[in-house]
Amino acid sequence: MIRYYYSDGINEFGPFNLNELKEKALRPDFKIRTENKSFVATASSIAELDVLFQKPAAAVQNVTFHKQTNLQPATQKSSSDKLLIATLILWLSTMLLNAIVSAIFSYSYSSNSQYTFLGLVNLISAALPLLIALSIKNKTLKVIGIIIAIILTIRFIFGAVQLMTFSF
């Protein structure tokens, strides 16, 4: 008899046989694996598990409502992904600005404007840890990430202010 494990995206449960899975609140989007295999398929894509997702005729009217409720997580995921991409673009931009300013001033003596400009660029990049932490989807990990990001942001701001005051 085949033994199944399923994951809700956070925890793994199992092993269960097909009859035991019928008693669980298994959703079609849960990842399923059999013993000694990694998660390779969603529950809805495994033919022998179709019996778990058959709806009675009266429940067919609720299908439209069910599909509408599934749109919200996709929107949240999309906005989180956009935030992460924007963060990476900002990070790349600040790194390029630092490299350009360092290259321009490396051929001449160090000036106050170099330190001031580099300090301002570093102030902009101080927001990066917060943006990355905000893109975390899991609420518990997001709180931990924000706490770490605040500590890093304070450190980056301190370093940028030091760099700018070094010039005077």
C-alpha atoms as a PDB file:
ATOM      1  CA  MET A   1       0.000   0.000   0.000  1.00  0.00           C
ATOM      2  CA  ILE A   2       1.299   3.463  -0.915  1.00  0.00           C
ATOM      3  CA  ARG A   3       2.075   5.769   2.007  1.00  0.00           C
ATOM      4  CA  TYR A   4       1.737   9.515   1.384  1.00  0.00           C
ATOM      5  CA  TYR A   5       3.226  12.579   3.026  1.00  0.00           C
ATOM      6  CA  TYR A   6       1.806  16.037   2.483  1.00  0.00           C
ATOM      7  CA  SER A   7       3.057  19.536   3.158  1.00  0.00           C
ATOM      8  CA  ASP A   8       1.012  22.667   3.723  1.00  0.00           C
ATOM      9  CA  GLY A   9       4.029  24.769   2.792  1.00  0.00           C
ATOM     10  CA  ILE A  10       5.293  24.986   6.368  1.00  0.00           C
ATOM     11  CA  ASN A  11       4.977  21.559   7.981  1.00  0.00           C
ATOM     12  CA  GLU A  12       5.111  18.003   6.671  1.00  0.00           C
ATOM     13  CA  PHE A  13       2.561  15.420   7.792  1.00  0.00           C
ATOM     14  CA  GLY A  14       2.489  11.669   7.306  1.00  0.00           C
ATOM     15  CA  PRO A  15       2.781   8.925   6.453  1.00  0.00           C
ATOM     16  CA  PHE A  16      -0.870   8.251   5.577  1.00  0.00           C
ATOM     17  CA  ASN A  17      -2.607   5.753   3.349  1.00  0.00           C
ATOM     18  CA  LEU A  18      -5.389   6.874   0.987  1.00  0.00           C
ATOM     19  CA  ASN A  19      -8.159   6.202   3.528  1.00  0.00           C
ATOM     20  CA  GLU A  20      -6.356   8.211   6.200  1.00  0.00           C
ATOM     21  CA  LEU A  21      -5.880  11.100   3.779  1.00  0.00           C
ATOM     22  CA  LYS A  22      -9.665  11.241   3.279  1.00  0.00           C
ATOM     23  CA  GLU A  23      -9.995  12.214   6.956  1.00  0.00           C
ATOM     24  CA  LYS A  24      -7.504  15.080   6.636  1.00  0.00           C
ATOM     25  CA  ALA A  25      -8.316  18.580   5.455  1.00  0.00           C
ATOM     26  CA  LEU A  26      -6.165  18.160   2.384  1.00  0.00           C
ATOM     27  CA  ARG A  27      -6.251  21.014  -0.141  1.00  0.00           C
ATOM     28  CA  PRO A  28      -5.541  20.522  -3.858  1.00  0.00           C
ATOM     29  CA  ASP A  29      -2.517  22.852  -3.694  1.00  0.00           C
ATOM     30  CA  PHE A  30      -0.718  20.872  -0.962  1.00  0.00           C
ATOM     31  CA  LYS A  31       2.514  19.188  -2.059  1.00  0.00           C
ATOM     32  CA  ILE A  32       2.420  15.393  -1.954  1.00  0.00           C
ATOM     33  CA  ARG A  33       5.208  12.849  -1.863  1.00  0.00           C
ATOM     34  CA  THR A  34       5.465   9.149  -1.322  1.00  0.00           C
ATOM     35  CA  GLU A  35       8.000   7.490   0.932  1.00  0.00           C
ATOM     36  CA  ASN A  36      11.654   8.072  -0.054  1.00  0.00           C
ATOM     37  CA  LYS A  37      10.745  10.744  -2.645  1.00  0.00           C
ATOM     38  CA  SER A  38      10.832  14.524  -2.581  1.00  0.00           C
ATOM     39  CA  PHE A  39       7.771  16.712  -3.101  1.00  0.00           C
ATOM     40  CA  VAL A  40       7.113  16.561  -6.809  1.00  0.00           C
ATOM     41  CA  ALA A  41       3.413  17.171  -7.301  1.00  0.00           C
ATOM     42  CA  THR A  42       0.405  18.964  -5.947  1.00  0.00           C
ATOM     43  CA  ALA A  43      -2.402  16.857  -4.537  1.00  0.00           C
ATOM     44  CA  SER A  44      -4.752  17.803  -7.371  1.00  0.00           C
ATOM     45  CA  SER A  45      -2.327  16.499 -10.007  1.00  0.00           C
ATOM     46  CA  ILE A  46      -2.196  12.941  -8.620  1.00  0.00           C
ATOM     47  CA  ALA A  47      -4.918  10.811 -10.191  1.00  0.00           C
ATOM     48  CA  GLU A  48      -5.435   8.416  -7.264  1.00  0.00           C
ATOM     49  CA  LEU A  49      -6.125  11.411  -4.981  1.00  0.00           C
ATOM     50  CA  ASP A  50      -8.970  12.770  -7.148  1.00  0.00           C
ATOM     51  CA  VAL A  51     -11.483  11.124  -4.815  1.00  0.00           C
ATOM     52  CA  LEU A  52     -10.382  13.534  -2.087  1.00  0.00           C
ATOM     53  CA  PHE A  53     -11.485  16.580  -4.058  1.00  0.00           C
ATOM     54  CA  GLN A  54     -14.774  15.461  -5.594  1.00  0.00           C
ATOM     55  CA  LYS A  55     -17.562  17.792  -4.580  1.00  0.00           C
ATOM     56  CA  PRO A  56     -21.210  16.905  -4.189  1.00  0.00           C
ATOM     57  CA  ALA A  57     -23.595  18.467  -6.727  1.00  0.00           C
ATOM     58  CA  ALA A  58     -24.814  21.063  -4.188  1.00  0.00           C
ATOM     59  CA  ALA A  59     -21.274  22.359  -3.672  1.00  0.00           C
ATOM     60  CA  VAL A  60     -20.732  23.109  -7.355  1.00  0.00           C
ATOM     61  CA  GLN A  61     -22.367  26.534  -6.905  1.00  0.00           C
ATOM     62  CA  ASN A  62     -19.589  27.495  -4.468  1.00  0.00           C
ATOM     63  CA  VAL A  63     -16.813  26.827  -6.994  1.00  0.00           C
ATOM     64  CA  THR A  64     -16.855  30.417  -8.269  1.00  0.00           C
ATOM     65  CA  PHE A  65     -16.615  31.770  -4.730  1.00  0.00           C
ATOM     66  CA  HIS A  66     -13.760  29.369  -3.952  1.00  0.00           C
ATOM     67  CA  LYS A  67     -11.822  30.532  -6.996  1.00  0.00           C
ATOM     68  CA  GLN A  68     -12.290  34.182  -6.055  1.00  0.00           C
ATOM     69  CA  THR A  69     -10.880  33.613  -2.576  1.00  0.00           C
ATOM     70  CA  ASN A  70      -7.775  32.007  -4.077  1.00  0.00           C
ATOM     71  CA  LEU A  71      -6.929  35.208  -5.958  1.00  0.00           C
ATOM     72  CA  GLN A  72      -5.894  37.123  -2.852  1.00  0.00           C
ATOM     73  CA  PRO A  73      -2.756  35.111  -1.958  1.00  0.00           C
ATOM     74  CA  ALA A  74      -1.546  35.352  -5.570  1.00  0.00           C
ATOM     75  CA  THR A  75      -1.866  39.151  -5.377  1.00  0.00           C
ATOM     76  CA  GLN A  76       0.038  39.232  -2.088  1.00  0.00           C
ATOM     77  CA  LYS A  77       2.744  37.008  -3.535  1.00  0.00           C
ATOM     78  CA  SER A  78       3.009  39.214  -6.598  1.00  0.00           C
ATOM     79  CA  SER A  79       3.369  42.422  -4.567  1.00  0.00           C
ATOM     80  CA  SER A  80       5.961  40.721  -2.346  1.00  0.00           C
ATOM     81  CA  ASP A  81       7.917  39.623  -5.412  1.00  0.00           C
ATOM     82  CA  LYS A  82       7.752  43.144  -6.865  1.00  0.00           C
ATOM     83  CA  LEU A  83       9.051  44.567  -3.581  1.00  0.00           C
ATOM     84  CA  LEU A  84      11.952  42.123  -3.616  1.00  0.00           C
ATOM     85  CA  ILE A  85      12.842  42.974  -7.243  1.00  0.00           C
ATOM     86  CA  ALA A  86      12.663  46.710  -6.460  1.00  0.00           C
ATOM     87  CA  THR A  87      14.964  46.136  -3.494  1.00  0.00           C
ATOM     88  CA  LEU A  88      17.490  44.286  -5.624  1.00  0.00           C
ATOM     89  CA  ILE A  89      17.393  47.056  -8.252  1.00  0.00           C
ATOM     90  CA  LEU A  90      17.946  49.696  -5.548  1.00  0.00           C
ATOM     91  CA  TRP A  91      20.808  47.671  -4.105  1.00  0.00           C
ATOM     92  CA  LEU A  92      22.450  47.309  -7.520  1.00  0.00           C
ATOM     93  CA  SER A  93      22.029  51.039  -8.170  1.00  0.00           C
ATOM     94  CA  THR A  94      23.684  52.022  -4.905  1.00  0.00           C
ATOM     95  CA  MET A  95      26.564  49.637  -5.529  1.00  0.00           C
ATOM     96  CA  LEU A  96      27.070  51.096  -9.007  1.00  0.00           C
ATOM     97  CA  LEU A  97      26.978  54.659  -7.647  1.00  0.00           C
ATOM     98  CA  ASN A  98      29.560  53.756  -5.013  1.00  0.00           C
ATOM     99  CA  ALA A  99      31.802  52.216  -7.669  1.00  0.00           C
ATOM    100  CA  ILE A 100      31.446  55.210 -10.002  1.00  0.00           C
ATOM    101  CA  VAL A 101      32.187  57.766  -7.277  1.00  0.00           C
ATOM    102  CA  SER A 102      35.147  55.738  -6.028  1.00  0.00           C
ATOM    103  CA  ALA A 103      36.523  55.471  -9.573  1.00  0.00           C
ATOM    104  CA  ILE A 104      36.111  59.193 -10.249  1.00  0.00           C
ATOM    105  CA  PHE A 105      37.825  60.245  -7.048  1.00  0.00           C
ATOM    106  CA  SER A 106      40.531  57.559  -7.115  1.00  0.00           C
ATOM    107  CA  TYR A 107      42.425  59.484  -9.795  1.00  0.00           C
ATOM    108  CA  SER A 108      42.506  62.602  -7.698  1.00  0.00           C
ATOM    109  CA  TYR A 109      42.929  63.377  -4.052  1.00  0.00           C
ATOM    110  CA  SER A 110      40.112  62.578  -1.632  1.00  0.00           C
ATOM    111  CA  SER A 111      37.718  65.429  -1.210  1.00  0.00           C
ATOM    112  CA  ASN A 112      34.922  66.312   1.153  1.00  0.00           C
ATOM    113  CA  SER A 113      32.357  65.953  -1.628  1.00  0.00           C
ATOM    114  CA  GLN A 114      33.396  62.339  -2.216  1.00  0.00           C
ATOM    115  CA  TYR A 115      32.702  61.389   1.404  1.00  0.00           C
ATOM    116  CA  THR A 116      29.474  63.357   1.474  1.00  0.00           C
ATOM    117  CA  PHE A 117      28.196  61.730  -1.715  1.00  0.00           C
ATOM    118  CA  LEU A 118      29.198  58.231  -0.604  1.00  0.00           C
ATOM    119  CA  GLY A 119      27.514  58.864   2.743  1.00  0.00           C
ATOM    120  CA  LEU A 120      24.278  59.899   1.013  1.00  0.00           C
ATOM    121  CA  VAL A 121      24.344  56.811  -1.213  1.00  0.00           C
ATOM    122  CA  ASN A 122      24.893  54.641   1.864  1.00  0.00           C
ATOM    123  CA  LEU A 123      21.936  56.348   3.565  1.00  0.00           C
ATOM    124  CA  ILE A 124      19.748  55.282   0.639  1.00  0.00           C
ATOM    125  CA  SER A 125      21.019  51.713   0.875  1.00  0.00           C
ATOM    126  CA  ALA A 126      20.197  51.661   4.604  1.00  0.00           C
ATOM    127  CA  ALA A 127      16.566  50.979   3.631  1.00  0.00           C
ATOM    128  CA  LEU A 128      17.474  47.736   1.864  1.00  0.00           C
ATOM    129  CA  PRO A 129      17.292  45.408   4.897  1.00  0.00           C
ATOM    130  CA  LEU A 130      13.811  46.719   5.729  1.00  0.00           C
ATOM    131  CA  LEU A 131      12.584  46.224   2.167  1.00  0.00           C
ATOM    132  CA  ILE A 132      13.907  42.673   2.116  1.00  0.00           C
ATOM    133  CA  ALA A 133      12.307  41.905   5.503  1.00  0.00           C
ATOM    134  CA  LEU A 134       8.958  43.262   4.302  1.00  0.00           C
ATOM    135  CA  SER A 135       9.020  40.866   1.351  1.00  0.00           C
ATOM    136  CA  ILE A 136       9.007  37.805   3.654  1.00  0.00           C
ATOM    137  CA  LYS A 137       5.655  36.005   3.436  1.00  0.00           C
ATOM    138  CA  ASN A 138       5.626  34.000   6.689  1.00  0.00           C
ATOM    139  CA  LYS A 139       4.363  36.269   9.493  1.00  0.00           C
ATOM    140  CA  THR A 140       6.621  34.883  12.238  1.00  0.00           C
ATOM    141  CA  LEU A 141       9.715  35.073  10.058  1.00  0.00           C
ATOM    142  CA  LYS A 142       8.679  38.543   8.886  1.00  0.00           C
ATOM    143  CA  VAL A 143       8.712  39.827  12.500  1.00  0.00           C
ATOM    144  CA  ILE A 144      12.153  38.303  13.082  1.00  0.00           C
ATOM    145  CA  GLY A 145      13.343  39.721   9.762  1.00  0.00           C
ATOM    146  CA  ILE A 146      12.076  43.209  10.607  1.00  0.00           C
ATOM    147  CA  ILE A 147      13.861  43.164  13.976  1.00  0.00           C
ATOM    148  CA  ILE A 148      17.130  42.138  12.306  1.00  0.00           C
ATOM    149  CA  ALA A 149      16.549  44.686   9.529  1.00  0.00           C
ATOM    150  CA  ILE A 150      16.071  47.510  12.040  1.00  0.00           C
ATOM    151  CA  ILE A 151      19.386  46.626  13.689  1.00  0.00           C
ATOM    152  CA  LEU A 152      21.143  46.539  10.303  1.00  0.00           C
ATOM    153  CA  THR A 153      19.496  49.788   9.195  1.00  0.00           C
ATOM    154  CA  ILE A 154      20.662  51.577  12.349  1.00  0.00           C
ATOM    155  CA  ARG A 155      24.179  50.264  11.723  1.00  0.00           C
ATOM    156  CA  PHE A 156      24.121  51.426   8.075  1.00  0.00           C
ATOM    157  CA  ILE A 157      22.832  54.871   9.044  1.00  0.00           C
ATOM    158  CA  PHE A 158      25.528  55.185  11.701  1.00  0.00           C
ATOM    159  CA  GLY A 159      28.195  54.225   9.159  1.00  0.00           C
ATOM    160  CA  ALA A 160      26.858  56.674   6.563  1.00  0.00           C
ATOM    161  CA  VAL A 161      26.790  59.530   9.077  1.00  0.00           C
ATOM    162  CA  GLN A 162      30.345  58.660  10.141  1.00  0.00           C
ATOM    163  CA  LEU A 163      31.444  58.707   6.500  1.00  0.00           C
ATOM    164  CA  MET A 164      29.856  62.089   5.876  1.00  0.00           C
ATOM    165  CA  THR A 165      31.242  63.659   9.064  1.00  0.00           C
ATOM    166  CA  PHE A 166      34.715  62.279   8.284  1.00  0.00           C
ATOM    167  CA  SER A 167      34.861  64.712   5.422  1.00  0.00           C
ATOM    168  CA  PHE A 168      34.687  67.779   7.707  1.00  0.00           C
END
